[in-house]
């Protein structure tokens, strides 16, 4: 399966974004209210400036206390973001996420963000593939 197919399986293609000047508290509220793990930092919704995850916020609070909640999110974001393309394989993305120990990856077409996938999205797609393969093999064995 490729990333484009994973994006089509998602209930929504929306990517939650925030501007770099948004404060950390606002980002935490967005993550909690939407039950998501990350937001992409961007000025225009397409050009990625960085990414902020729940882990980034927890790390910052642990290191600097609650005062960090009033900081601009660009002070804690990860500025170098691992991205993939729509034509990349799910296995390749899963390997990169596992090796880098991150759970979300923006999908880009050229310099423009076109989606976001999570490790959960990739695992779900992989499980669907495995189930289809199992069914096909059972059918072959049973002579269907």
C-alpha atoms as a PDB file:
ATOM      1  CA  UNK A   1       0.000   0.000   0.000  1.00  0.00           C
ATOM      2  CA  UNK A   2       1.165   3.525  -0.692  1.00  0.00           C
ATOM      3  CA  UNK A   3       0.639   6.750   1.267  1.00  0.00           C
ATOM      4  CA  UNK A   4      -1.967   8.062  -1.186  1.00  0.00           C
ATOM      5  CA  UNK A   5      -4.160   5.042  -0.451  1.00  0.00           C
ATOM      6  CA  UNK A   6      -3.736   5.595   3.295  1.00  0.00           C
ATOM      7  CA  UNK A   7      -4.833   9.221   2.925  1.00  0.00           C
ATOM      8  CA  UNK A   8      -7.981   8.058   1.092  1.00  0.00           C
ATOM      9  CA  UNK A   9      -8.820   5.686   3.961  1.00  0.00           C
ATOM     10  CA  UNK A  10      -8.750   8.473   6.550  1.00  0.00           C
ATOM     11  CA  UNK A  11     -12.068   9.878   7.735  1.00  0.00           C
ATOM     12  CA  UNK A  12     -10.808  13.412   7.156  1.00  0.00           C
ATOM     13  CA  UNK A  13      -8.027  14.853   5.043  1.00  0.00           C
ATOM     14  CA  UNK A  14      -7.808  17.973   7.211  1.00  0.00           C
ATOM     15  CA  UNK A  15      -4.465  18.750   8.828  1.00  0.00           C
ATOM     16  CA  UNK A  16      -4.619  20.742  12.034  1.00  0.00           C
ATOM     17  CA  UNK A  17      -2.241  23.680  11.777  1.00  0.00           C
ATOM     18  CA  UNK A  18      -1.228  26.638  13.898  1.00  0.00           C
ATOM     19  CA  UNK A  19       0.756  29.787  13.149  1.00  0.00           C
ATOM     20  CA  UNK A  20       4.239  30.043  14.699  1.00  0.00           C
ATOM     21  CA  UNK A  21       3.150  32.790  17.098  1.00  0.00           C
ATOM     22  CA  UNK A  22       0.377  30.659  18.691  1.00  0.00           C
ATOM     23  CA  UNK A  23       1.102  30.066  22.360  1.00  0.00           C
ATOM     24  CA  UNK A  24       1.877  26.612  23.698  1.00  0.00           C
ATOM     25  CA  UNK A  25      -1.239  26.595  25.922  1.00  0.00           C
ATOM     26  CA  UNK A  26      -3.456  27.135  22.853  1.00  0.00           C
ATOM     27  CA  UNK A  27      -1.742  24.259  21.059  1.00  0.00           C
ATOM     28  CA  UNK A  28      -2.214  21.999  24.102  1.00  0.00           C
ATOM     29  CA  UNK A  29      -5.912  22.916  24.145  1.00  0.00           C
ATOM     30  CA  UNK A  30      -6.223  22.054  20.441  1.00  0.00           C
ATOM     31  CA  UNK A  31      -4.517  18.697  20.923  1.00  0.00           C
ATOM     32  CA  UNK A  32      -6.720  17.830  23.898  1.00  0.00           C
ATOM     33  CA  UNK A  33     -10.021  18.987  22.416  1.00  0.00           C
ATOM     34  CA  UNK A  34      -9.491  17.290  19.060  1.00  0.00           C
ATOM     35  CA  UNK A  35      -7.891  14.174  20.579  1.00  0.00           C
ATOM     36  CA  UNK A  36      -4.897  14.387  18.251  1.00  0.00           C
ATOM     37  CA  UNK A  37      -1.179  14.047  18.877  1.00  0.00           C
ATOM     38  CA  UNK A  38       0.373  16.773  16.756  1.00  0.00           C
ATOM     39  CA  UNK A  39      -0.125  20.027  14.896  1.00  0.00           C
ATOM     40  CA  UNK A  40       1.823  21.388  11.961  1.00  0.00           C
ATOM     41  CA  UNK A  41       3.232  24.892  12.332  1.00  0.00           C
ATOM     42  CA  UNK A  42       2.625  26.949   9.194  1.00  0.00           C
ATOM     43  CA  UNK A  43       1.685  30.447   8.098  1.00  0.00           C
ATOM     44  CA  UNK A  44      -0.272  29.450   5.012  1.00  0.00           C
ATOM     45  CA  UNK A  45      -1.529  25.901   5.638  1.00  0.00           C
ATOM     46  CA  UNK A  46       0.799  24.459   2.998  1.00  0.00           C
ATOM     47  CA  UNK A  47       4.402  25.416   3.813  1.00  0.00           C
ATOM     48  CA  UNK A  48       5.696  23.495   6.832  1.00  0.00           C
ATOM     49  CA  UNK A  49       7.699  25.560   9.322  1.00  0.00           C
ATOM     50  CA  UNK A  50       7.742  22.882  12.020  1.00  0.00           C
ATOM     51  CA  UNK A  51       5.721  20.342  13.956  1.00  0.00           C
ATOM     52  CA  UNK A  52       4.677  20.180  17.614  1.00  0.00           C
ATOM     53  CA  UNK A  53       3.561  17.025  19.388  1.00  0.00           C
ATOM     54  CA  UNK A  54       2.224  16.197  22.816  1.00  0.00           C
ATOM     55  CA  UNK A  55       5.700  14.918  23.659  1.00  0.00           C
ATOM     56  CA  UNK A  56       7.245  18.287  22.796  1.00  0.00           C
ATOM     57  CA  UNK A  57       4.897  20.062  25.179  1.00  0.00           C
ATOM     58  CA  UNK A  58       5.404  17.569  28.011  1.00  0.00           C
ATOM     59  CA  UNK A  59       9.179  17.787  27.606  1.00  0.00           C
ATOM     60  CA  UNK A  60       9.074  21.593  27.720  1.00  0.00           C
ATOM     61  CA  UNK A  61       6.837  21.658  30.807  1.00  0.00           C
ATOM     62  CA  UNK A  62       9.125  19.151  32.549  1.00  0.00           C
ATOM     63  CA  UNK A  63      12.223  21.239  31.761  1.00  0.00           C
ATOM     64  CA  UNK A  64      10.875  24.766  32.241  1.00  0.00           C
ATOM     65  CA  UNK A  65       7.619  24.522  34.161  1.00  0.00           C
ATOM     66  CA  UNK A  66       4.236  25.994  33.393  1.00  0.00           C
ATOM     67  CA  UNK A  67       5.759  29.314  32.303  1.00  0.00           C
ATOM     68  CA  UNK A  68       6.440  27.729  28.906  1.00  0.00           C
ATOM     69  CA  UNK A  69       2.701  27.674  28.213  1.00  0.00           C
ATOM     70  CA  UNK A  70       2.806  31.368  27.322  1.00  0.00           C
ATOM     71  CA  UNK A  71       5.708  30.951  24.887  1.00  0.00           C
ATOM     72  CA  UNK A  72       5.188  31.008  21.141  1.00  0.00           C
ATOM     73  CA  UNK A  73       4.951  27.515  19.743  1.00  0.00           C
ATOM     74  CA  UNK A  74       7.845  28.146  17.358  1.00  0.00           C
ATOM     75  CA  UNK A  75      10.159  28.129  20.394  1.00  0.00           C
ATOM     76  CA  UNK A  76       9.427  24.456  21.099  1.00  0.00           C
ATOM     77  CA  UNK A  77       8.548  23.064  17.660  1.00  0.00           C
ATOM     78  CA  UNK A  78      10.695  20.581  15.782  1.00  0.00           C
ATOM     79  CA  UNK A  79      11.880  22.738  12.882  1.00  0.00           C
ATOM     80  CA  UNK A  80      13.275  19.975  10.665  1.00  0.00           C
ATOM     81  CA  UNK A  81      10.307  17.795   9.792  1.00  0.00           C
ATOM     82  CA  UNK A  82      10.486  14.349   8.232  1.00  0.00           C
ATOM     83  CA  UNK A  83       7.990  14.277   5.350  1.00  0.00           C
ATOM     84  CA  UNK A  84       6.923  11.676   2.815  1.00  0.00           C
ATOM     85  CA  UNK A  85       5.324  11.720  -0.610  1.00  0.00           C
ATOM     86  CA  UNK A  86       1.995  10.238  -1.666  1.00  0.00           C
ATOM     87  CA  UNK A  87       3.814   7.622  -3.747  1.00  0.00           C
ATOM     88  CA  UNK A  88       5.951   6.320  -0.864  1.00  0.00           C
ATOM     89  CA  UNK A  89       5.201   2.839   0.474  1.00  0.00           C
ATOM     90  CA  UNK A  90       3.581   2.276   3.853  1.00  0.00           C
ATOM     91  CA  UNK A  91       6.468   0.012   4.836  1.00  0.00           C
ATOM     92  CA  UNK A  92       9.002   2.737   4.067  1.00  0.00           C
ATOM     93  CA  UNK A  93       7.079   5.300   6.120  1.00  0.00           C
ATOM     94  CA  UNK A  94       6.687   2.851   9.002  1.00  0.00           C
ATOM     95  CA  UNK A  95      10.422   2.151   8.996  1.00  0.00           C
ATOM     96  CA  UNK A  96      11.248   5.876   9.056  1.00  0.00           C
ATOM     97  CA  UNK A  97       8.768   6.576  11.859  1.00  0.00           C
ATOM     98  CA  UNK A  98      10.107   3.693  13.925  1.00  0.00           C
ATOM     99  CA  UNK A  99      13.756   4.624  13.374  1.00  0.00           C
ATOM    100  CA  UNK A 100      13.093   8.306  14.161  1.00  0.00           C
ATOM    101  CA  UNK A 101      10.787   7.548  17.107  1.00  0.00           C
ATOM    102  CA  UNK A 102       8.001   9.858  15.910  1.00  0.00           C
ATOM    103  CA  UNK A 103       4.354   9.150  15.224  1.00  0.00           C
ATOM    104  CA  UNK A 104       3.223  11.698  12.640  1.00  0.00           C
ATOM    105  CA  UNK A 105       4.476  12.537   9.176  1.00  0.00           C
ATOM    106  CA  UNK A 106       3.268  15.263   6.831  1.00  0.00           C
ATOM    107  CA  UNK A 107       2.714  14.263   3.215  1.00  0.00           C
ATOM    108  CA  UNK A 108       4.128  16.669   0.663  1.00  0.00           C
ATOM    109  CA  UNK A 109       3.741  17.174  -3.039  1.00  0.00           C
ATOM    110  CA  UNK A 110       6.655  19.355  -4.053  1.00  0.00           C
ATOM    111  CA  UNK A 111       6.913  22.039  -1.373  1.00  0.00           C
ATOM    112  CA  UNK A 112       3.210  21.849  -0.458  1.00  0.00           C
ATOM    113  CA  UNK A 113       1.701  19.841   2.396  1.00  0.00           C
ATOM    114  CA  UNK A 114      -1.191  17.704   1.136  1.00  0.00           C
ATOM    115  CA  UNK A 115      -1.919  15.597   4.211  1.00  0.00           C
ATOM    116  CA  UNK A 116      -0.676  14.056   7.434  1.00  0.00           C
ATOM    117  CA  UNK A 117      -0.474  10.417   8.400  1.00  0.00           C
ATOM    118  CA  UNK A 118       0.064   8.862  11.795  1.00  0.00           C
ATOM    119  CA  UNK A 119       1.719   5.624  12.737  1.00  0.00           C
ATOM    120  CA  UNK A 120      -1.794   4.424  13.600  1.00  0.00           C
ATOM    121  CA  UNK A 121      -2.952   5.142  10.044  1.00  0.00           C
ATOM    122  CA  UNK A 122      -0.021   3.164   8.651  1.00  0.00           C
ATOM    123  CA  UNK A 123      -0.529   0.223  11.020  1.00  0.00           C
ATOM    124  CA  UNK A 124      -4.265   0.143  10.214  1.00  0.00           C
ATOM    125  CA  UNK A 125      -3.494   0.047   6.473  1.00  0.00           C
ATOM    126  CA  UNK A 126      -0.907  -2.683   6.978  1.00  0.00           C
ATOM    127  CA  UNK A 127      -3.372  -4.765   9.022  1.00  0.00           C
ATOM    128  CA  UNK A 128      -5.947  -4.417   6.233  1.00  0.00           C
ATOM    129  CA  UNK A 129      -3.359  -5.703   3.750  1.00  0.00           C
ATOM    130  CA  UNK A 130      -2.462  -8.639   5.978  1.00  0.00           C
ATOM    131  CA  UNK A 131      -6.135  -9.530   6.418  1.00  0.00           C
ATOM    132  CA  UNK A 132      -6.695  -9.467   2.648  1.00  0.00           C
ATOM    133  CA  UNK A 133      -3.621 -11.645   2.110  1.00  0.00           C
ATOM    134  CA  UNK A 134      -4.828 -14.101   4.772  1.00  0.00           C
ATOM    135  CA  UNK A 135      -8.261 -14.300   3.164  1.00  0.00           C
ATOM    136  CA  UNK A 136      -6.725 -14.887  -0.261  1.00  0.00           C
ATOM    137  CA  UNK A 137      -4.463 -17.644   1.044  1.00  0.00           C
ATOM    138  CA  UNK A 138      -7.344 -19.320   2.889  1.00  0.00           C
ATOM    139  CA  UNK A 139      -9.395 -19.157  -0.307  1.00  0.00           C
ATOM    140  CA  UNK A 140      -6.596 -20.778  -2.283  1.00  0.00           C
ATOM    141  CA  UNK A 141      -6.153 -23.531   0.310  1.00  0.00           C
ATOM    142  CA  UNK A 142      -9.871 -24.235   0.497  1.00  0.00           C
ATOM    143  CA  UNK A 143     -10.166 -24.118  -3.296  1.00  0.00           C
ATOM    144  CA  UNK A 144     -12.417 -21.072  -3.556  1.00  0.00           C
END
